[in-house]
Amino acid sequence: MALASLIFYGLEAQTFKDVFRRALAEKNMTDAAEILRDWDFEDRNDPELYPAYFNYYTVKSLEKDTLHYDRTYADSALSYISEGINMYPTRFDMRVVKIYLLSKLKEFDKLTDETILLIDYSKKIGNNWKSEDFRLLESPDIVMEGAVQDFQEILFAQEDTTLFNNIRRISEYMIKQYPEYEQSWMNLSMLHIMRKEYDKSLEALKNAEKINPRNAFLLYNLAYIYKIKGDKLKAKKYFEQTIAAVDLKKEPHLKKAAEEELKKL
């Protein structure tokens, strides 16, 4: 590829991005590296340059072994995206890809810290997040809450009791900044269930119920806790409410599970 021609014709940074993406998609890492060097020289302050560096080094980190990250390249990816976040802190996409890479590297304490920073900054800017090319992020509240829950589920999926404190930290900080988000109470409840702290689990679920009494998963969990505690009347009540609240298009399995539990009671 004649990189000189890019400069000669005065192509803009947007074109650098397009050409870089094509080279990366073709796994032409030599051309991709040359494009990055020219792009960096032409416009170091282009915000799209930093995700490009991140993508380049992430691909390089898996070049020799697609199952294991080369830590040197992965650290370069993290360094560039961190620089981008510092320069352009409202870029939601930069923050999210950084956290996902931390999850792949099993850096769960750093994942937790970055998630809390995401929540904190989200509150500070009123969720006025930007995406690629500084377009406004659509449905920012839903997207931000969904991302935080994804990170929580990554921690849950490790099935590692040493990460319970990480889940608790994120949940409690989310409750502090966004007390109307019931999922954080449900996450705390799940932690207490894992520890067999059923009264604390019930307390967390009741807080969530005040926010959204029509959440079918929440109602099912309430029924489950009352069943464990031996309160069959309340368990029956909440299993019945679960069935009434279920969205059959999204949660048919939940209706079936609640019906089976009612038969047992």
C-alpha atoms as a PDB file:
ATOM      1  CA  MET A   1       0.000   0.000   0.000  1.00  0.00           C
ATOM      2  CA  ALA A   2       1.373   3.391  -0.958  1.00  0.00           C
ATOM      3  CA  LEU A   3       0.891   5.297   2.275  1.00  0.00           C
ATOM      4  CA  ALA A   4       2.491   8.379   0.739  1.00  0.00           C
ATOM      5  CA  SER A   5      -0.515   8.718  -1.526  1.00  0.00           C
ATOM      6  CA  LEU A   6      -2.763   9.140   1.496  1.00  0.00           C
ATOM      7  CA  ILE A   7      -0.780  12.167   2.585  1.00  0.00           C
ATOM      8  CA  PHE A   8      -0.290  13.491  -0.927  1.00  0.00           C
ATOM      9  CA  TYR A   9      -3.995  13.702  -1.636  1.00  0.00           C
ATOM     10  CA  GLY A  10      -4.668  15.243   1.763  1.00  0.00           C
ATOM     11  CA  LEU A  11      -7.139  12.581   2.841  1.00  0.00           C
ATOM     12  CA  GLU A  12      -8.796  13.256   6.172  1.00  0.00           C
ATOM     13  CA  ALA A  13      -8.534  11.208   9.361  1.00  0.00           C
ATOM     14  CA  GLN A  14     -11.914   9.636   8.581  1.00  0.00           C
ATOM     15  CA  THR A  15     -10.284   8.023   5.555  1.00  0.00           C
ATOM     16  CA  PHE A  16      -7.405   6.824   7.709  1.00  0.00           C
ATOM     17  CA  LYS A  17      -9.983   5.082   9.865  1.00  0.00           C
ATOM     18  CA  ASP A  18     -11.658   3.416   6.896  1.00  0.00           C
ATOM     19  CA  VAL A  19      -8.402   2.234   5.367  1.00  0.00           C
ATOM     20  CA  PHE A  20      -7.131   1.038   8.728  1.00  0.00           C
ATOM     21  CA  ARG A  21     -10.286  -0.967   9.362  1.00  0.00           C
ATOM     22  CA  ARG A  22      -9.978  -2.640   5.983  1.00  0.00           C
ATOM     23  CA  ALA A  23      -6.357  -3.598   6.666  1.00  0.00           C
ATOM     24  CA  LEU A  24      -7.240  -4.939  10.111  1.00  0.00           C
ATOM     25  CA  ALA A  25     -10.199  -6.922   8.765  1.00  0.00           C
ATOM     26  CA  GLU A  26      -7.837  -8.494   6.237  1.00  0.00           C
ATOM     27  CA  LYS A  27      -5.327  -9.209   9.042  1.00  0.00           C
ATOM     28  CA  ASN A  28      -2.756  -7.191   7.108  1.00  0.00           C
ATOM     29  CA  MET A  29      -0.925  -6.069  10.225  1.00  0.00           C
ATOM     30  CA  THR A  30       2.027  -4.534   8.374  1.00  0.00           C
ATOM     31  CA  ASP A  31      -0.218  -2.125   6.483  1.00  0.00           C
ATOM     32  CA  ALA A  32      -2.303  -1.512   9.600  1.00  0.00           C
ATOM     33  CA  ALA A  33       0.810  -0.487  11.539  1.00  0.00           C
ATOM     34  CA  GLU A  34       1.931   1.878   8.737  1.00  0.00           C
ATOM     35  CA  ILE A  35      -1.507   3.476   8.568  1.00  0.00           C
ATOM     36  CA  LEU A  36      -1.476   4.032  12.323  1.00  0.00           C
ATOM     37  CA  ARG A  37       1.924   5.724  12.133  1.00  0.00           C
ATOM     38  CA  ASP A  38       0.806   8.085   9.361  1.00  0.00           C
ATOM     39  CA  TRP A  39      -2.543   8.713  11.064  1.00  0.00           C
ATOM     40  CA  ASP A  40      -0.781   9.512  14.334  1.00  0.00           C
ATOM     41  CA  PHE A  41       1.575  11.908  12.555  1.00  0.00           C
ATOM     42  CA  GLU A  42      -1.280  13.594  10.676  1.00  0.00           C
ATOM     43  CA  ASP A  43      -3.662  14.051  13.619  1.00  0.00           C
ATOM     44  CA  ARG A  44      -2.583  12.823  17.059  1.00  0.00           C
ATOM     45  CA  ASN A  45      -5.692  14.409  18.571  1.00  0.00           C
ATOM     46  CA  ASP A  46      -8.193  12.478  16.454  1.00  0.00           C
ATOM     47  CA  PRO A  47     -10.314  10.594  19.023  1.00  0.00           C
ATOM     48  CA  GLU A  48     -10.837   7.700  16.586  1.00  0.00           C
ATOM     49  CA  LEU A  49      -7.101   7.022  16.610  1.00  0.00           C
ATOM     50  CA  TYR A  50      -7.180   5.572  20.132  1.00  0.00           C
ATOM     51  CA  PRO A  51      -9.780   2.848  19.517  1.00  0.00           C
ATOM     52  CA  ALA A  52      -7.812   2.028  16.360  1.00  0.00           C
ATOM     53  CA  TYR A  53      -4.624   1.537  18.389  1.00  0.00           C
ATOM     54  CA  PHE A  54      -6.616  -0.517  20.898  1.00  0.00           C
ATOM     55  CA  ASN A  55      -8.003  -2.765  18.159  1.00  0.00           C
ATOM     56  CA  TYR A  56      -4.599  -3.166  16.526  1.00  0.00           C
ATOM     57  CA  TYR A  57      -2.846  -4.251  19.711  1.00  0.00           C
ATOM     58  CA  THR A  58      -5.742  -6.472  20.780  1.00  0.00           C
ATOM     59  CA  VAL A  59      -5.539  -8.326  17.462  1.00  0.00           C
ATOM     60  CA  LYS A  60      -1.747  -8.539  17.811  1.00  0.00           C
ATOM     61  CA  SER A  61      -2.137  -9.956  21.323  1.00  0.00           C
ATOM     62  CA  LEU A  62      -4.052 -12.949  19.911  1.00  0.00           C
ATOM     63  CA  GLU A  63      -1.955 -13.379  16.773  1.00  0.00           C
ATOM     64  CA  LYS A  64       0.102 -16.342  18.021  1.00  0.00           C
ATOM     65  CA  ASP A  65      -2.569 -17.976  20.204  1.00  0.00           C
ATOM     66  CA  THR A  66      -6.250 -17.092  19.826  1.00  0.00           C
ATOM     67  CA  LEU A  67      -6.996 -18.474  23.290  1.00  0.00           C
ATOM     68  CA  HIS A  68      -4.331 -16.619  25.251  1.00  0.00           C
ATOM     69  CA  TYR A  69      -3.487 -12.936  25.164  1.00  0.00           C
ATOM     70  CA  ASP A  70       0.091 -11.830  24.724  1.00  0.00           C
ATOM     71  CA  ARG A  71       0.346  -9.575  27.742  1.00  0.00           C
ATOM     72  CA  THR A  72       2.795  -7.100  26.182  1.00  0.00           C
ATOM     73  CA  TYR A  73       0.438  -6.310  23.310  1.00  0.00           C
ATOM     74  CA  ALA A  74      -2.629  -6.370  25.582  1.00  0.00           C
ATOM     75  CA  ASP A  75      -0.975  -3.848  27.892  1.00  0.00           C
ATOM     76  CA  SER A  76      -0.304  -1.596  24.890  1.00  0.00           C
ATOM     77  CA  ALA A  77      -3.991  -1.833  23.955  1.00  0.00           C
ATOM     78  CA  LEU A  78      -4.978  -0.850  27.496  1.00  0.00           C
ATOM     79  CA  SER A  79      -2.467   1.996  27.541  1.00  0.00           C
ATOM     80  CA  TYR A  80      -3.770   3.563  24.328  1.00  0.00           C
ATOM     81  CA  ILE A  81      -7.446   3.242  25.255  1.00  0.00           C
ATOM     82  CA  SER A  82      -6.707   4.706  28.701  1.00  0.00           C
ATOM     83  CA  GLU A  83      -5.034   7.671  27.002  1.00  0.00           C
ATOM     84  CA  GLY A  84      -8.105   8.057  24.804  1.00  0.00           C
ATOM     85  CA  ILE A  85     -10.427   7.978  27.824  1.00  0.00           C
ATOM     86  CA  ASN A  86      -8.357  10.633  29.584  1.00  0.00           C
ATOM     87  CA  MET A  87      -8.576  12.900  26.546  1.00  0.00           C
ATOM     88  CA  TYR A  88     -12.221  12.149  25.680  1.00  0.00           C
ATOM     89  CA  PRO A  89     -13.931  11.004  28.903  1.00  0.00           C
ATOM     90  CA  THR A  90     -17.477  11.032  27.489  1.00  0.00           C
ATOM     91  CA  ARG A  91     -16.678   8.268  24.996  1.00  0.00           C
ATOM     92  CA  PHE A  92     -18.690   5.318  26.265  1.00  0.00           C
ATOM     93  CA  ASP A  93     -17.278   2.874  23.705  1.00  0.00           C
ATOM     94  CA  MET A  94     -13.707   3.431  24.882  1.00  0.00           C
ATOM     95  CA  ARG A  95     -14.606   2.731  28.501  1.00  0.00           C
ATOM     96  CA  VAL A  96     -16.563  -0.408  27.673  1.00  0.00           C
ATOM     97  CA  VAL A  97     -13.911  -2.043  25.477  1.00  0.00           C
ATOM     98  CA  LYS A  98     -11.310  -1.396  28.163  1.00  0.00           C
ATOM     99  CA  ILE A  99     -13.424  -3.172  30.779  1.00  0.00           C
ATOM    100  CA  TYR A 100     -14.133  -6.117  28.484  1.00  0.00           C
ATOM    101  CA  LEU A 101     -10.439  -6.580  27.797  1.00  0.00           C
ATOM    102  CA  LEU A 102      -9.743  -6.470  31.537  1.00  0.00           C
ATOM    103  CA  SER A 103     -12.303  -9.265  31.931  1.00  0.00           C
ATOM    104  CA  LYS A 104     -10.519 -11.374  29.307  1.00  0.00           C
ATOM    105  CA  LEU A 105      -7.240 -10.802  31.146  1.00  0.00           C
ATOM    106  CA  LYS A 106      -8.885 -11.880  34.436  1.00  0.00           C
ATOM    107  CA  GLU A 107      -8.040  -8.487  35.953  1.00  0.00           C
ATOM    108  CA  PHE A 108     -11.191  -8.471  38.041  1.00  0.00           C
ATOM    109  CA  ASP A 109     -10.151  -5.883  40.623  1.00  0.00           C
ATOM    110  CA  LYS A 110      -9.314  -3.443  37.812  1.00  0.00           C
ATOM    111  CA  LEU A 111     -12.587  -4.363  36.088  1.00  0.00           C
ATOM    112  CA  THR A 112     -14.410  -3.459  39.290  1.00  0.00           C
ATOM    113  CA  ASP A 113     -12.589  -0.145  39.671  1.00  0.00           C
ATOM    114  CA  GLU A 114     -13.250   0.814  36.050  1.00  0.00           C
ATOM    115  CA  THR A 115     -16.929  -0.117  36.328  1.00  0.00           C
ATOM    116  CA  ILE A 116     -17.296   2.110  39.366  1.00  0.00           C
ATOM    117  CA  LEU A 117     -15.568   4.926  37.465  1.00  0.00           C
ATOM    118  CA  LEU A 118     -18.033   4.375  34.618  1.00  0.00           C
ATOM    119  CA  ILE A 119     -20.993   4.642  37.002  1.00  0.00           C
ATOM    120  CA  ASP A 120     -19.532   7.699  38.703  1.00  0.00           C
ATOM    121  CA  TYR A 121     -18.851   9.553  35.458  1.00  0.00           C
ATOM    122  CA  SER A 122     -22.225   8.559  34.066  1.00  0.00           C
ATOM    123  CA  LYS A 123     -23.893  10.267  37.002  1.00  0.00           C
ATOM    124  CA  LYS A 124     -21.622  13.308  36.653  1.00  0.00           C
ATOM    125  CA  ILE A 125     -22.567  13.909  32.991  1.00  0.00           C
ATOM    126  CA  GLY A 126     -26.219  12.923  33.320  1.00  0.00           C
ATOM    127  CA  ASN A 127     -25.620   9.900  31.062  1.00  0.00           C
ATOM    128  CA  ASN A 128     -24.798  12.220  28.186  1.00  0.00           C
ATOM    129  CA  TRP A 129     -22.531   9.650  26.589  1.00  0.00           C
ATOM    130  CA  LYS A 130     -20.992   9.750  23.127  1.00  0.00           C
ATOM    131  CA  SER A 131     -20.238   6.879  20.792  1.00  0.00           C
ATOM    132  CA  GLU A 132     -17.998   6.571  17.728  1.00  0.00           C
ATOM    133  CA  ASP A 133     -17.373   9.862  15.907  1.00  0.00           C
ATOM    134  CA  PHE A 134     -18.913  11.595  18.942  1.00  0.00           C
ATOM    135  CA  ARG A 135     -22.456  10.677  17.993  1.00  0.00           C
ATOM    136  CA  LEU A 136     -24.876  10.792  20.914  1.00  0.00           C
ATOM    137  CA  LEU A 137     -25.343   7.359  22.404  1.00  0.00           C
ATOM    138  CA  GLU A 138     -28.912   6.180  21.829  1.00  0.00           C
ATOM    139  CA  SER A 139     -30.909   5.148  24.937  1.00  0.00           C
ATOM    140  CA  PRO A 140     -27.909   5.921  27.179  1.00  0.00           C
ATOM    141  CA  ASP A 141     -29.651   4.961  30.436  1.00  0.00           C
ATOM    142  CA  ILE A 142     -30.548   1.503  29.144  1.00  0.00           C
ATOM    143  CA  VAL A 143     -27.165   0.978  27.505  1.00  0.00           C
ATOM    144  CA  MET A 144     -25.210   2.051  30.588  1.00  0.00           C
ATOM    145  CA  GLU A 145     -27.289  -0.098  32.955  1.00  0.00           C
ATOM    146  CA  GLY A 146     -26.982  -3.038  30.578  1.00  0.00           C
ATOM    147  CA  ALA A 147     -23.206  -2.693  30.406  1.00  0.00           C
ATOM    148  CA  VAL A 148     -22.878  -2.571  34.197  1.00  0.00           C
ATOM    149  CA  GLN A 149     -25.045  -5.680  34.493  1.00  0.00           C
ATOM    150  CA  ASP A 150     -22.923  -7.444  31.872  1.00  0.00           C
ATOM    151  CA  PHE A 151     -19.823  -6.748  33.959  1.00  0.00           C
ATOM    152  CA  GLN A 152     -21.597  -8.046  37.061  1.00  0.00           C
ATOM    153  CA  GLU A 153     -22.572 -11.230  35.234  1.00  0.00           C
ATOM    154  CA  ILE A 154     -18.960 -11.725  34.157  1.00  0.00           C
ATOM    155  CA  LEU A 155     -18.002 -11.665  37.843  1.00  0.00           C
ATOM    156  CA  PHE A 156     -20.832 -14.017  38.831  1.00  0.00           C
ATOM    157  CA  ALA A 157     -19.840 -16.426  36.046  1.00  0.00           C
ATOM    158  CA  GLN A 158     -16.387 -16.954  37.593  1.00  0.00           C
ATOM    159  CA  GLU A 159     -18.067 -18.818  40.491  1.00  0.00           C
ATOM    160  CA  ASP A 160     -15.307 -17.509  42.717  1.00  0.00           C
ATOM    161  CA  THR A 161     -16.227 -16.523  46.261  1.00  0.00           C
ATOM    162  CA  THR A 162     -13.252 -14.152  46.399  1.00  0.00           C
ATOM    163  CA  LEU A 163     -15.068 -11.967  43.850  1.00  0.00           C
ATOM    164  CA  PHE A 164     -18.177 -11.532  45.999  1.00  0.00           C
ATOM    165  CA  ASN A 165     -16.769  -8.298  47.384  1.00  0.00           C
ATOM    166  CA  ASN A 166     -16.249  -6.997  43.827  1.00  0.00           C
ATOM    167  CA  ILE A 167     -19.896  -7.694  42.987  1.00  0.00           C
ATOM    168  CA  ARG A 168     -21.010  -6.072  46.233  1.00  0.00           C
ATOM    169  CA  ARG A 169     -18.911  -2.949  45.586  1.00  0.00           C
ATOM    170  CA  ILE A 170     -20.397  -2.418  42.127  1.00  0.00           C
ATOM    171  CA  SER A 171     -23.960  -3.142  43.283  1.00  0.00           C
ATOM    172  CA  GLU A 172     -23.772  -0.808  46.259  1.00  0.00           C
ATOM    173  CA  TYR A 173     -22.216   1.986  44.209  1.00  0.00           C
ATOM    174  CA  MET A 174     -24.889   1.561  41.538  1.00  0.00           C
ATOM    175  CA  ILE A 175     -27.564   1.784  44.251  1.00  0.00           C
ATOM    176  CA  LYS A 176     -25.920   4.933  45.613  1.00  0.00           C
ATOM    177  CA  GLN A 177     -25.894   6.670  42.216  1.00  0.00           C
ATOM    178  CA  TYR A 178     -29.000   5.091  40.660  1.00  0.00           C
ATOM    179  CA  PRO A 179     -31.279   3.969  43.522  1.00  0.00           C
ATOM    180  CA  GLU A 180     -34.169   3.401  41.102  1.00  0.00           C
ATOM    181  CA  TYR A 181     -32.351   0.543  39.340  1.00  0.00           C
ATOM    182  CA  GLU A 182     -33.744  -2.632  40.914  1.00  0.00           C
ATOM    183  CA  GLN A 183     -31.249  -5.026  39.331  1.00  0.00           C
ATOM    184  CA  SER A 184     -28.514  -3.925  41.745  1.00  0.00           C
ATOM    185  CA  TRP A 185     -30.694  -4.941  44.695  1.00  0.00           C
ATOM    186  CA  MET A 186     -31.284  -8.286  42.980  1.00  0.00           C
ATOM    187  CA  ASN A 187     -27.532  -8.776  42.557  1.00  0.00           C
ATOM    188  CA  LEU A 188     -27.011  -8.144  46.263  1.00  0.00           C
ATOM    189  CA  SER A 189     -29.799 -10.585  47.006  1.00  0.00           C
ATOM    190  CA  MET A 190     -28.070 -13.259  44.922  1.00  0.00           C
ATOM    191  CA  LEU A 191     -24.852 -12.753  46.889  1.00  0.00           C
ATOM    192  CA  HIS A 192     -26.731 -13.257  50.146  1.00  0.00           C
ATOM    193  CA  ILE A 193     -28.378 -16.420  48.786  1.00  0.00           C
ATOM    194  CA  MET A 194     -24.943 -17.817  47.921  1.00  0.00           C
ATOM    195  CA  ARG A 195     -23.929 -17.145  51.522  1.00  0.00           C
ATOM    196  CA  LYS A 196     -27.207 -18.619  52.826  1.00  0.00           C
ATOM    197  CA  GLU A 197     -28.031 -15.214  54.351  1.00  0.00           C
ATOM    198  CA  TYR A 198     -31.709 -15.518  53.524  1.00  0.00           C
ATOM    199  CA  ASP A 199     -33.023 -12.684  55.685  1.00  0.00           C
ATOM    200  CA  LYS A 200     -30.564 -10.243  54.093  1.00  0.00           C
ATOM    201  CA  SER A 201     -31.470 -11.582  50.668  1.00  0.00           C
ATOM    202  CA  LEU A 202     -35.149 -11.027  51.404  1.00  0.00           C
ATOM    203  CA  GLU A 203     -34.456  -7.466  52.571  1.00  0.00           C
ATOM    204  CA  ALA A 204     -32.646  -6.647  49.320  1.00  0.00           C
ATOM    205  CA  LEU A 205     -35.468  -8.148  47.240  1.00  0.00           C
ATOM    206  CA  LYS A 206     -38.118  -6.180  49.115  1.00  0.00           C
ATOM    207  CA  ASN A 207     -36.212  -2.988  48.313  1.00  0.00           C
ATOM    208  CA  ALA A 208     -36.239  -3.994  44.652  1.00  0.00           C
ATOM    209  CA  GLU A 209     -39.956  -4.776  44.828  1.00  0.00           C
ATOM    210  CA  LYS A 210     -40.685  -1.209  45.919  1.00  0.00           C
ATOM    211  CA  ILE A 211     -39.053  -0.001  42.693  1.00  0.00           C
ATOM    212  CA  ASN A 212     -40.624  -2.483  40.282  1.00  0.00           C
ATOM    213  CA  PRO A 213     -43.330  -4.789  41.687  1.00  0.00           C
ATOM    214  CA  ARG A 214     -43.978  -6.263  38.217  1.00  0.00           C
ATOM    215  CA  ASN A 215     -40.506  -7.710  37.639  1.00  0.00           C
ATOM    216  CA  ALA A 216     -41.211 -11.423  37.126  1.00  0.00           C
ATOM    217  CA  PHE A 217     -37.685 -12.583  37.996  1.00  0.00           C
ATOM    218  CA  LEU A 218     -37.794 -10.510  41.164  1.00  0.00           C
ATOM    219  CA  LEU A 219     -41.152 -12.011  42.163  1.00  0.00           C
ATOM    220  CA  TYR A 220     -39.876 -15.516  41.496  1.00  0.00           C
ATOM    221  CA  ASN A 221     -36.838 -14.887  43.671  1.00  0.00           C
ATOM    222  CA  LEU A 222     -39.052 -13.585  46.472  1.00  0.00           C
ATOM    223  CA  ALA A 223     -41.149 -16.752  46.232  1.00  0.00           C
ATOM    224  CA  TYR A 224     -38.000 -18.860  46.292  1.00  0.00           C
ATOM    225  CA  ILE A 225     -36.699 -17.198  49.459  1.00  0.00           C
ATOM    226  CA  TYR A 226     -40.039 -17.539  51.231  1.00  0.00           C
ATOM    227  CA  LYS A 227     -40.078 -21.226  50.245  1.00  0.00           C
ATOM    228  CA  ILE A 228     -36.598 -21.722  51.745  1.00  0.00           C
ATOM    229  CA  LYS A 229     -37.714 -19.948  54.925  1.00  0.00           C
ATOM    230  CA  GLY A 230     -40.742 -22.253  55.166  1.00  0.00           C
ATOM    231  CA  ASP A 231     -43.388 -19.583  54.603  1.00  0.00           C
ATOM    232  CA  LYS A 232     -45.572 -21.504  52.145  1.00  0.00           C
ATOM    233  CA  LEU A 233     -48.371 -18.937  52.038  1.00  0.00           C
ATOM    234  CA  LYS A 234     -46.096 -16.106  50.920  1.00  0.00           C
ATOM    235  CA  ALA A 235     -44.215 -18.426  48.597  1.00  0.00           C
ATOM    236  CA  LYS A 236     -47.500 -19.395  46.944  1.00  0.00           C
ATOM    237  CA  LYS A 237     -48.529 -15.736  46.709  1.00  0.00           C
ATOM    238  CA  TYR A 238     -45.313 -14.725  44.935  1.00  0.00           C
ATOM    239  CA  PHE A 239     -45.247 -17.708  42.595  1.00  0.00           C
ATOM    240  CA  GLU A 240     -48.782 -16.738  41.532  1.00  0.00           C
ATOM    241  CA  GLN A 241     -47.670 -13.118  41.050  1.00  0.00           C
ATOM    242  CA  THR A 242     -44.730 -14.366  38.985  1.00  0.00           C
ATOM    243  CA  ILE A 243     -47.088 -16.183  36.617  1.00  0.00           C
ATOM    244  CA  ALA A 244     -49.246 -13.069  36.283  1.00  0.00           C
ATOM    245  CA  ALA A 245     -46.236 -10.822  35.560  1.00  0.00           C
ATOM    246  CA  VAL A 246     -44.381 -13.078  33.102  1.00  0.00           C
ATOM    247  CA  ASP A 247     -43.835 -11.853  29.559  1.00  0.00           C
ATOM    248  CA  LEU A 248     -44.602 -15.066  27.681  1.00  0.00           C
ATOM    249  CA  LYS A 249     -42.579 -13.960  24.658  1.00  0.00           C
ATOM    250  CA  LYS A 250     -39.431 -13.400  26.710  1.00  0.00           C
ATOM    251  CA  GLU A 251     -39.847 -15.553  29.839  1.00  0.00           C
ATOM    252  CA  PRO A 252     -41.967 -18.666  29.099  1.00  0.00           C
ATOM    253  CA  HIS A 253     -39.561 -20.824  31.103  1.00  0.00           C
ATOM    254  CA  LEU A 254     -40.186 -18.672  34.181  1.00  0.00           C
ATOM    255  CA  LYS A 255     -43.939 -19.285  34.011  1.00  0.00           C
ATOM    256  CA  LYS A 256     -43.358 -23.037  33.742  1.00  0.00           C
ATOM    257  CA  ALA A 257     -40.925 -22.998  36.681  1.00  0.00           C
ATOM    258  CA  ALA A 258     -43.387 -21.063  38.874  1.00  0.00           C
ATOM    259  CA  GLU A 259     -46.202 -23.444  37.953  1.00  0.00           C
ATOM    260  CA  GLU A 260     -44.050 -26.435  38.898  1.00  0.00           C
ATOM    261  CA  GLU A 261     -43.191 -24.854  42.241  1.00  0.00           C
ATOM    262  CA  LEU A 262     -46.887 -24.215  42.957  1.00  0.00           C
ATOM    263  CA  LYS A 263     -47.630 -27.899  42.365  1.00  0.00           C
ATOM    264  CA  LYS A 264     -44.982 -28.838  44.924  1.00  0.00           C
ATOM    265  CA  LEU A 265     -46.455 -26.450  47.475  1.00  0.00           C
END
